[in-house]
Amino acid sequence: FRCGNKLGDSGGGANQLCLSQNPVYDSPVAGVGAERSFVNGMEYQITNFPHLQSKGWHDVPCAVCLAPARVAKLVIPGTNVCPSNGWTREYGGYLMSNRVHSQHRRSMHVCVDREMQVIPRTEGAPADGKRDCLDLVETRCSPSGGGIPCGPYVDGYELTCAVCTK
């Protein structure tokens, strides 16, 4: 189960986690600790992008990239193509993270496969708001310098990514 902090919460971890499907507890204390950090389920929050529209509001499964004969892994944001000097593309997809709004917080960028999976029968935002969300990452370029250059990058375009091994 992929998880992170609840929308709007400050503090807690910034990274996303893949929880075990079979939890083992060690001396748990019943009840909710008001000052503790929490993790909640995660959903794709995708709007206005026809190719992925059907994935929106579905829970995000965990994924593991297993390449036992490979010694190096490289995630390249901004392209879905790997370098040609001996690198193998494991998958290409889209760069995703939390949205940039007041109720969201910073999160890790992750490269999600273009043919992303969803957890079946999980469509719909939970009524209690206990979720974290992944959305597409767009480029913000600067034509006058001092930022990501316009020309190779286009303002407002969704960034692709590649996971490469060697």
N, C-alpha and C. Protein backbone atom coordinates (compact mmCIF):
# COMPACT_ATOMS: atom_id res chain seq x y z
N PHE A 1 0.85 -1.18 0.00
CA PHE A 1 0.00 0.00 0.00
C PHE A 1 0.88 1.23 0.00
N ARG A 2 0.70 2.12 -0.96
CA ARG A 2 1.49 3.34 -1.02
C ARG A 2 0.83 4.37 -0.11
N CYS A 3 1.62 5.10 0.65
CA CYS A 3 1.03 6.05 1.59
C CYS A 3 1.93 7.25 1.81
N GLY A 4 1.37 8.28 2.45
CA GLY A 4 2.07 9.51 2.79
C GLY A 4 1.26 10.27 3.82
N ASN A 5 1.59 11.54 4.02
CA ASN A 5 0.84 12.37 4.97
C ASN A 5 -0.52 12.75 4.40
N LYS A 6 -1.46 13.07 5.28
CA LYS A 6 -2.78 13.54 4.87
C LYS A 6 -2.67 14.94 4.29
N LEU A 7 -3.49 15.26 3.30
CA LEU A 7 -3.51 16.60 2.73
C LEU A 7 -3.69 17.64 3.82
N GLY A 8 -2.90 18.70 3.75
CA GLY A 8 -3.05 19.80 4.70
C GLY A 8 -2.26 19.63 5.98
N ASP A 9 -1.79 18.42 6.28
CA ASP A 9 -1.00 18.23 7.50
C ASP A 9 0.40 18.81 7.29
N SER A 10 0.92 19.45 8.31
CA SER A 10 2.31 19.88 8.28
C SER A 10 3.08 18.95 9.20
N GLY A 11 4.38 18.91 9.04
CA GLY A 11 5.17 17.98 9.83
C GLY A 11 5.04 16.58 9.27
N GLY A 12 5.60 15.62 9.95
CA GLY A 12 5.58 14.25 9.45
C GLY A 12 6.62 14.06 8.37
N GLY A 13 6.61 12.89 7.77
CA GLY A 13 7.60 12.57 6.74
C GLY A 13 7.24 13.19 5.40
N ALA A 14 8.26 13.45 4.58
CA ALA A 14 8.04 13.99 3.24
C ALA A 14 8.08 12.88 2.19
N ASN A 15 8.68 11.76 2.54
CA ASN A 15 8.77 10.68 1.56
C ASN A 15 7.52 9.81 1.56
N GLN A 16 7.31 9.14 0.45
CA GLN A 16 6.20 8.21 0.33
C GLN A 16 6.70 6.83 0.73
N LEU A 17 5.81 6.02 1.25
CA LEU A 17 6.18 4.70 1.75
C LEU A 17 5.37 3.62 1.06
N CYS A 18 5.92 2.42 1.03
CA CYS A 18 5.18 1.23 0.62
C CYS A 18 5.05 0.36 1.85
N LEU A 19 3.83 0.31 2.40
CA LEU A 19 3.59 -0.47 3.62
C LEU A 19 3.40 -1.94 3.29
N SER A 20 3.78 -2.78 4.24
CA SER A 20 3.56 -4.21 4.13
C SER A 20 2.07 -4.51 4.08
N GLN A 21 1.68 -5.54 3.34
CA GLN A 21 0.29 -5.96 3.34
C GLN A 21 -0.03 -6.80 4.57
N ASN A 22 1.00 -7.18 5.31
CA ASN A 22 0.84 -7.99 6.51
C ASN A 22 1.58 -7.32 7.67
N PRO A 23 0.98 -6.30 8.30
CA PRO A 23 1.69 -5.58 9.36
C PRO A 23 1.96 -6.45 10.58
N VAL A 24 3.09 -6.18 11.21
CA VAL A 24 3.46 -6.81 12.48
C VAL A 24 3.72 -5.67 13.45
N TYR A 25 3.04 -5.68 14.59
CA TYR A 25 3.18 -4.62 15.59
C TYR A 25 4.01 -5.13 16.76
N ASP A 26 4.68 -4.21 17.43
CA ASP A 26 5.50 -4.56 18.59
C ASP A 26 5.07 -3.68 19.76
N SER A 27 4.35 -4.22 20.70
CA SER A 27 3.86 -3.50 21.89
C SER A 27 3.04 -2.27 21.53
N PRO A 28 2.00 -2.40 20.71
CA PRO A 28 1.22 -1.22 20.32
C PRO A 28 0.38 -0.68 21.48
N VAL A 29 0.14 0.62 21.43
CA VAL A 29 -0.74 1.28 22.40
C VAL A 29 -2.00 1.67 21.64
N ALA A 30 -3.16 1.21 22.08
CA ALA A 30 -4.42 1.48 21.38
C ALA A 30 -4.76 2.96 21.42
N GLY A 31 -5.47 3.43 20.40
CA GLY A 31 -5.89 4.83 20.35
C GLY A 31 -4.99 5.63 19.43
N VAL A 32 -5.43 6.85 19.13
CA VAL A 32 -4.69 7.74 18.24
C VAL A 32 -3.91 8.73 19.08
N GLY A 33 -2.60 8.80 18.87
CA GLY A 33 -1.75 9.77 19.57
C GLY A 33 -1.80 11.11 18.86
N ALA A 34 -2.32 12.12 19.50
CA ALA A 34 -2.55 13.42 18.85
C ALA A 34 -1.27 14.09 18.36
N GLU A 35 -0.14 13.80 18.97
CA GLU A 35 1.11 14.47 18.61
C GLU A 35 2.00 13.62 17.71
N ARG A 36 1.54 12.46 17.32
CA ARG A 36 2.36 11.58 16.51
C ARG A 36 2.25 11.93 15.03
N SER A 37 3.15 11.38 14.26
CA SER A 37 3.08 11.48 12.81
C SER A 37 2.15 10.39 12.29
N PHE A 38 1.46 10.66 11.20
CA PHE A 38 0.51 9.70 10.65
C PHE A 38 0.86 9.42 9.19
N VAL A 39 0.45 8.26 8.71
CA VAL A 39 0.49 7.97 7.28
C VAL A 39 -0.92 7.59 6.84
N ASN A 40 -1.26 7.97 5.63
CA ASN A 40 -2.58 7.71 5.07
C ASN A 40 -2.42 7.16 3.66
N GLY A 41 -3.48 6.59 3.12
CA GLY A 41 -3.44 6.07 1.77
C GLY A 41 -3.18 7.17 0.75
N MET A 42 -2.82 6.77 -0.47
CA MET A 42 -2.48 7.72 -1.52
C MET A 42 -3.32 7.43 -2.76
N GLU A 43 -3.74 8.51 -3.44
CA GLU A 43 -4.53 8.40 -4.67
C GLU A 43 -3.89 9.21 -5.78
N TYR A 44 -4.18 8.81 -7.02
CA TYR A 44 -3.83 9.65 -8.17
C TYR A 44 -4.84 10.79 -8.21
N GLN A 45 -4.36 12.03 -8.30
CA GLN A 45 -5.23 13.19 -8.41
C GLN A 45 -4.96 13.83 -9.76
N ILE A 46 -5.50 13.24 -10.81
CA ILE A 46 -5.19 13.65 -12.18
C ILE A 46 -6.44 14.25 -12.82
N THR A 47 -6.30 15.49 -13.29
CA THR A 47 -7.39 16.15 -14.00
C THR A 47 -6.84 16.80 -15.26
N ASN A 48 -7.68 17.03 -16.23
CA ASN A 48 -7.31 17.74 -17.46
C ASN A 48 -6.14 17.11 -18.21
N PHE A 49 -6.07 15.79 -18.23
CA PHE A 49 -5.03 15.08 -18.97
C PHE A 49 -5.66 13.79 -19.51
N PRO A 50 -6.22 13.84 -20.73
CA PRO A 50 -7.06 12.75 -21.24
C PRO A 50 -6.45 11.36 -21.16
N HIS A 51 -5.16 11.22 -21.45
CA HIS A 51 -4.54 9.89 -21.45
C HIS A 51 -4.65 9.18 -20.10
N LEU A 52 -4.65 9.94 -19.01
CA LEU A 52 -4.66 9.34 -17.67
C LEU A 52 -5.93 9.63 -16.89
N GLN A 53 -6.93 10.23 -17.52
CA GLN A 53 -8.14 10.66 -16.81
C GLN A 53 -8.80 9.52 -16.04
N SER A 54 -8.79 8.31 -16.58
CA SER A 54 -9.46 7.18 -15.92
C SER A 54 -8.74 6.72 -14.65
N LYS A 55 -7.51 7.18 -14.45
CA LYS A 55 -6.74 6.77 -13.27
C LYS A 55 -7.02 7.67 -12.07
N GLY A 56 -7.60 8.85 -12.31
CA GLY A 56 -7.83 9.81 -11.23
C GLY A 56 -8.69 9.26 -10.12
N TRP A 57 -8.31 9.58 -8.91
CA TRP A 57 -9.03 9.22 -7.69
C TRP A 57 -9.03 7.71 -7.41
N HIS A 58 -8.10 6.99 -7.99
CA HIS A 58 -7.89 5.58 -7.64
C HIS A 58 -6.68 5.50 -6.71
N ASP A 59 -6.68 4.53 -5.81
CA ASP A 59 -5.55 4.34 -4.91
C ASP A 59 -4.32 3.90 -5.70
N VAL A 60 -3.15 4.31 -5.20
CA VAL A 60 -1.87 4.05 -5.85
C VAL A 60 -1.24 2.79 -5.25
N PRO A 61 -0.94 1.79 -6.08
CA PRO A 61 -0.25 0.61 -5.55
C PRO A 61 1.25 0.86 -5.46
N CYS A 62 1.93 0.04 -4.71
CA CYS A 62 3.39 0.11 -4.66
C CYS A 62 3.97 -0.63 -5.85
N ALA A 63 5.17 -0.25 -6.22
CA ALA A 63 5.86 -0.91 -7.32
C ALA A 63 7.33 -1.05 -6.94
N VAL A 64 7.92 -2.13 -7.38
CA VAL A 64 9.34 -2.37 -7.15
C VAL A 64 9.97 -2.64 -8.51
N CYS A 65 11.05 -1.95 -8.80
CA CYS A 65 11.78 -2.17 -10.04
C CYS A 65 12.90 -3.16 -9.75
N LEU A 66 12.75 -4.39 -10.22
CA LEU A 66 13.73 -5.44 -9.97
C LEU A 66 14.53 -5.67 -11.24
N ALA A 67 15.82 -5.43 -11.15
CA ALA A 67 16.73 -5.66 -12.27
C ALA A 67 17.99 -6.29 -11.69
N PRO A 68 17.95 -7.60 -11.35
CA PRO A 68 19.03 -8.23 -10.60
C PRO A 68 20.39 -8.22 -11.28
N ALA A 69 20.44 -8.23 -12.60
CA ALA A 69 21.74 -8.25 -13.28
C ALA A 69 22.32 -6.85 -13.46
N ARG A 70 21.60 -5.85 -13.06
CA ARG A 70 22.04 -4.46 -13.26
C ARG A 70 22.70 -3.94 -11.98
N VAL A 71 23.68 -3.07 -12.14
CA VAL A 71 24.39 -2.54 -10.97
C VAL A 71 24.10 -1.07 -10.72
N ALA A 72 23.45 -0.41 -11.66
CA ALA A 72 23.16 1.02 -11.49
C ALA A 72 21.74 1.31 -11.96
N LYS A 73 21.07 2.21 -11.24
CA LYS A 73 19.73 2.66 -11.62
C LYS A 73 19.76 4.18 -11.70
N LEU A 74 19.12 4.72 -12.71
CA LEU A 74 19.10 6.16 -12.92
C LEU A 74 17.67 6.57 -13.26
N VAL A 75 17.15 7.56 -12.55
CA VAL A 75 15.85 8.13 -12.87
C VAL A 75 16.11 9.48 -13.53
N ILE A 76 15.63 9.66 -14.75
CA ILE A 76 15.89 10.89 -15.50
C ILE A 76 14.58 11.65 -15.68
N PRO A 77 14.39 12.78 -14.98
CA PRO A 77 13.21 13.60 -15.22
C PRO A 77 13.40 14.46 -16.46
N GLY A 78 12.30 14.67 -17.20
CA GLY A 78 12.37 15.55 -18.37
C GLY A 78 12.48 14.81 -19.69
N THR A 79 12.64 13.51 -19.66
CA THR A 79 12.68 12.70 -20.87
C THR A 79 12.24 11.28 -20.53
N ASN A 80 11.69 10.58 -21.52
CA ASN A 80 11.35 9.18 -21.30
C ASN A 80 12.29 8.26 -22.09
N VAL A 81 13.46 8.78 -22.42
CA VAL A 81 14.48 8.07 -23.19
C VAL A 81 15.74 7.95 -22.33
N CYS A 82 16.38 6.78 -22.37
CA CYS A 82 17.62 6.57 -21.62
C CYS A 82 18.84 6.90 -22.48
N PRO A 83 19.98 7.20 -21.84
CA PRO A 83 21.21 7.42 -22.61
C PRO A 83 21.54 6.18 -23.44
N SER A 84 22.17 6.39 -24.58
CA SER A 84 22.42 5.28 -25.50
C SER A 84 23.67 4.47 -25.18
N ASN A 85 24.47 4.91 -24.23
CA ASN A 85 25.73 4.22 -23.96
C ASN A 85 25.57 3.07 -22.96
N GLY A 86 24.77 2.08 -23.32
CA GLY A 86 24.65 0.88 -22.49
C GLY A 86 23.52 0.89 -21.48
N TRP A 87 22.74 1.94 -21.42
CA TRP A 87 21.62 1.99 -20.47
C TRP A 87 20.39 1.31 -21.07
N THR A 88 19.62 0.63 -20.23
CA THR A 88 18.38 -0.02 -20.64
C THR A 88 17.21 0.68 -19.98
N ARG A 89 16.20 1.00 -20.76
CA ARG A 89 15.01 1.63 -20.17
C ARG A 89 14.12 0.55 -19.57
N GLU A 90 13.90 0.65 -18.27
CA GLU A 90 12.99 -0.27 -17.59
C GLU A 90 11.55 0.17 -17.81
N TYR A 91 11.31 1.48 -17.74
CA TYR A 91 10.01 2.03 -18.11
C TYR A 91 10.13 3.54 -18.28
N GLY A 92 9.19 4.09 -19.03
CA GLY A 92 9.06 5.53 -19.19
C GLY A 92 7.70 5.94 -18.67
N GLY A 93 7.61 7.16 -18.18
CA GLY A 93 6.33 7.59 -17.63
C GLY A 93 6.28 9.07 -17.40
N TYR A 94 5.63 9.43 -16.30
CA TYR A 94 5.41 10.83 -15.95
C TYR A 94 5.98 11.13 -14.57
N LEU A 95 6.55 12.31 -14.42
CA LEU A 95 7.01 12.77 -13.13
C LEU A 95 5.79 13.23 -12.33
N MET A 96 5.68 12.75 -11.09
CA MET A 96 4.52 13.08 -10.26
C MET A 96 4.95 13.44 -8.85
N SER A 97 4.14 14.26 -8.18
CA SER A 97 4.33 14.61 -6.77
C SER A 97 3.02 15.23 -6.28
N ASN A 98 3.04 15.78 -5.07
CA ASN A 98 1.87 16.51 -4.57
C ASN A 98 1.65 17.77 -5.38
N ARG A 99 0.42 18.27 -5.39
CA ARG A 99 0.12 19.54 -6.04
C ARG A 99 0.72 20.70 -5.24
N VAL A 100 0.80 21.86 -5.88
CA VAL A 100 1.32 23.05 -5.21
C VAL A 100 0.14 23.95 -4.87
N HIS A 101 -0.45 23.73 -3.71
CA HIS A 101 -1.56 24.54 -3.21
C HIS A 101 -1.42 24.60 -1.70
N SER A 102 -2.18 25.47 -1.07
CA SER A 102 -2.05 25.67 0.37
C SER A 102 -2.34 24.42 1.19
N GLN A 103 -3.23 23.55 0.72
CA GLN A 103 -3.56 22.37 1.51
C GLN A 103 -2.56 21.23 1.30
N HIS A 104 -1.67 21.38 0.35
CA HIS A 104 -0.68 20.34 0.07
C HIS A 104 0.65 20.72 0.71
N ARG A 105 1.57 19.79 0.73
CA ARG A 105 2.90 20.03 1.26
C ARG A 105 3.91 19.43 0.30
N ARG A 106 5.16 19.72 0.54
CA ARG A 106 6.20 19.18 -0.32
C ARG A 106 6.24 17.66 -0.22
N SER A 107 6.56 17.03 -1.33
CA SER A 107 6.72 15.58 -1.34
C SER A 107 7.80 15.22 -2.35
N MET A 108 8.23 13.99 -2.30
CA MET A 108 9.22 13.52 -3.26
C MET A 108 8.62 13.46 -4.66
N HIS A 109 9.45 13.72 -5.66
CA HIS A 109 9.04 13.48 -7.03
C HIS A 109 9.28 12.00 -7.32
N VAL A 110 8.34 11.37 -7.99
CA VAL A 110 8.48 9.96 -8.36
C VAL A 110 8.19 9.81 -9.84
N CYS A 111 8.85 8.86 -10.46
CA CYS A 111 8.61 8.54 -11.86
C CYS A 111 7.60 7.40 -11.90
N VAL A 112 6.41 7.68 -12.42
CA VAL A 112 5.32 6.70 -12.46
C VAL A 112 5.17 6.21 -13.91
N ASP A 113 5.13 4.90 -14.07
CA ASP A 113 5.01 4.27 -15.39
C ASP A 113 3.83 4.86 -16.17
N ARG A 114 4.05 5.09 -17.46
CA ARG A 114 2.98 5.61 -18.32
C ARG A 114 1.76 4.71 -18.29
N GLU A 115 1.96 3.43 -18.13
CA GLU A 115 0.87 2.46 -18.03
C GLU A 115 0.61 2.14 -16.56
N MET A 116 0.52 3.18 -15.75
CA MET A 116 0.35 3.03 -14.31
C MET A 116 -0.81 2.13 -13.95
N GLN A 117 -0.66 1.45 -12.85
CA GLN A 117 -1.70 0.57 -12.34
C GLN A 117 -2.48 1.30 -11.25
N VAL A 118 -3.66 0.80 -10.96
CA VAL A 118 -4.45 1.29 -9.83
C VAL A 118 -4.86 0.09 -8.99
N ILE A 119 -5.25 0.35 -7.76
CA ILE A 119 -5.79 -0.71 -6.93
C ILE A 119 -7.27 -0.84 -7.30
N PRO A 120 -7.70 -2.01 -7.75
CA PRO A 120 -9.09 -2.17 -8.21
C PRO A 120 -10.11 -1.78 -7.14
N ARG A 121 -11.24 -1.27 -7.61
CA ARG A 121 -12.39 -0.92 -6.77
C ARG A 121 -12.05 0.14 -5.71
N THR A 122 -11.20 1.09 -6.06
CA THR A 122 -10.84 2.12 -5.07
C THR A 122 -11.14 3.52 -5.57
N GLU A 123 -11.92 3.67 -6.63
CA GLU A 123 -12.17 4.99 -7.18
C GLU A 123 -13.01 5.83 -6.24
N GLY A 124 -12.62 7.11 -6.09
CA GLY A 124 -13.38 8.05 -5.26
C GLY A 124 -12.56 8.52 -4.09
N ALA A 125 -12.61 9.82 -3.83
CA ALA A 125 -11.89 10.39 -2.69
C ALA A 125 -12.58 10.00 -1.39
N PRO A 126 -11.82 9.62 -0.36
CA PRO A 126 -12.45 9.27 0.91
C PRO A 126 -13.12 10.48 1.55
N ALA A 127 -14.28 10.27 2.14
CA ALA A 127 -15.05 11.36 2.74
C ALA A 127 -14.31 12.00 3.90
N ASP A 128 -13.46 11.24 4.59
CA ASP A 128 -12.76 11.79 5.75
C ASP A 128 -11.51 12.57 5.37
N GLY A 129 -11.16 12.60 4.08
CA GLY A 129 -10.00 13.36 3.63
C GLY A 129 -8.67 12.74 3.99
N LYS A 130 -8.67 11.53 4.52
CA LYS A 130 -7.42 10.89 4.94
C LYS A 130 -6.76 10.24 3.74
N ARG A 131 -6.01 11.07 3.00
CA ARG A 131 -5.32 10.58 1.83
C ARG A 131 -4.17 11.51 1.48
N ASP A 132 -3.29 11.02 0.68
CA ASP A 132 -2.25 11.81 0.05
C ASP A 132 -2.47 11.66 -1.45
N CYS A 133 -1.98 12.58 -2.25
CA CYS A 133 -2.29 12.55 -3.68
C CYS A 133 -1.04 12.72 -4.53
N LEU A 134 -1.05 12.07 -5.68
CA LEU A 134 -0.02 12.26 -6.70
C LEU A 134 -0.66 12.93 -7.90
N ASP A 135 0.01 13.95 -8.43
CA ASP A 135 -0.46 14.62 -9.64
C ASP A 135 0.74 14.84 -10.55
N LEU A 136 0.46 15.13 -11.80
CA LEU A 136 1.50 15.38 -12.78
C LEU A 136 2.30 16.64 -12.42
N VAL A 137 3.56 16.67 -12.82
CA VAL A 137 4.44 17.82 -12.59
C VAL A 137 4.61 18.55 -13.92
N GLU A 138 4.40 19.85 -13.91
CA GLU A 138 4.55 20.67 -15.11
C GLU A 138 5.82 21.51 -15.02
N THR A 139 6.33 21.88 -16.18
CA THR A 139 7.49 22.76 -16.26
C THR A 139 7.06 24.21 -16.12
N ARG A 140 7.84 24.99 -15.41
CA ARG A 140 7.69 26.44 -15.38
C ARG A 140 9.02 26.99 -15.89
N CYS A 141 9.00 27.49 -17.12
CA CYS A 141 10.26 27.96 -17.70
C CYS A 141 10.33 29.48 -17.68
N SER A 142 11.56 29.97 -17.81
CA SER A 142 11.82 31.40 -17.75
C SER A 142 12.48 31.85 -19.06
N PRO A 143 11.78 32.67 -19.86
CA PRO A 143 12.37 33.11 -21.12
C PRO A 143 13.52 34.09 -20.94
N SER A 144 13.63 34.70 -19.75
CA SER A 144 14.66 35.72 -19.55
C SER A 144 15.86 35.20 -18.76
N GLY A 145 15.94 33.92 -18.52
CA GLY A 145 17.06 33.36 -17.77
C GLY A 145 16.77 33.30 -16.29
N GLY A 146 17.66 32.69 -15.55
CA GLY A 146 17.49 32.58 -14.11
C GLY A 146 16.57 31.45 -13.69
N GLY A 147 16.27 30.55 -14.59
CA GLY A 147 15.40 29.43 -14.27
C GLY A 147 15.55 28.33 -15.31
N ILE A 148 14.56 27.49 -15.41
CA ILE A 148 14.58 26.45 -16.44
C ILE A 148 14.39 27.15 -17.78
N PRO A 149 15.25 26.89 -18.77
CA PRO A 149 15.18 27.63 -20.03
C PRO A 149 13.98 27.24 -20.88
N CYS A 150 13.27 28.27 -21.37
CA CYS A 150 12.25 28.04 -22.38
C CYS A 150 12.98 27.77 -23.69
N GLY A 151 12.42 27.02 -24.53
CA GLY A 151 13.10 26.59 -25.76
C GLY A 151 13.13 25.08 -25.74
N PRO A 152 14.04 24.51 -24.94
CA PRO A 152 13.92 23.06 -24.84
C PRO A 152 12.69 22.68 -24.01
N TYR A 153 12.35 23.48 -22.99
CA TYR A 153 11.19 23.19 -22.15
C TYR A 153 10.05 24.15 -22.51
N VAL A 154 8.81 23.68 -22.36
CA VAL A 154 7.63 24.48 -22.68
C VAL A 154 6.84 24.70 -21.40
N ASP A 155 6.56 25.96 -21.10
CA ASP A 155 5.83 26.30 -19.89
C ASP A 155 4.48 25.59 -19.85
N GLY A 156 4.21 24.88 -18.76
CA GLY A 156 2.94 24.21 -18.58
C GLY A 156 2.85 22.80 -19.12
N TYR A 157 3.91 22.30 -19.77
CA TYR A 157 3.87 20.93 -20.28
C TYR A 157 4.19 19.95 -19.15
N GLU A 158 3.53 18.81 -19.16
CA GLU A 158 3.75 17.77 -18.15
C GLU A 158 5.08 17.08 -18.44
N LEU A 159 5.89 16.90 -17.39
CA LEU A 159 7.21 16.30 -17.55
C LEU A 159 7.13 14.77 -17.61
N THR A 160 7.88 14.21 -18.54
CA THR A 160 8.03 12.76 -18.60
C THR A 160 9.26 12.37 -17.78
N CYS A 161 9.49 11.07 -17.68
CA CYS A 161 10.67 10.57 -16.97
C CYS A 161 10.98 9.17 -17.47
N ALA A 162 12.19 8.72 -17.17
CA ALA A 162 12.61 7.37 -17.53
C ALA A 162 13.34 6.75 -16.36
N VAL A 163 13.14 5.45 -16.16
CA VAL A 163 13.92 4.69 -15.19
C VAL A 163 14.83 3.79 -16.01
N CYS A 164 16.14 4.00 -15.84
CA CYS A 164 17.14 3.33 -16.66
C CYS A 164 18.07 2.51 -15.77
N THR A 165 18.53 1.38 -16.29
CA THR A 165 19.48 0.55 -15.55
C THR A 165 20.65 0.21 -16.46
N LYS A 166 21.76 -0.17 -15.81
CA LYS A 166 22.98 -0.52 -16.55
C LYS A 166 23.68 -1.64 -15.82
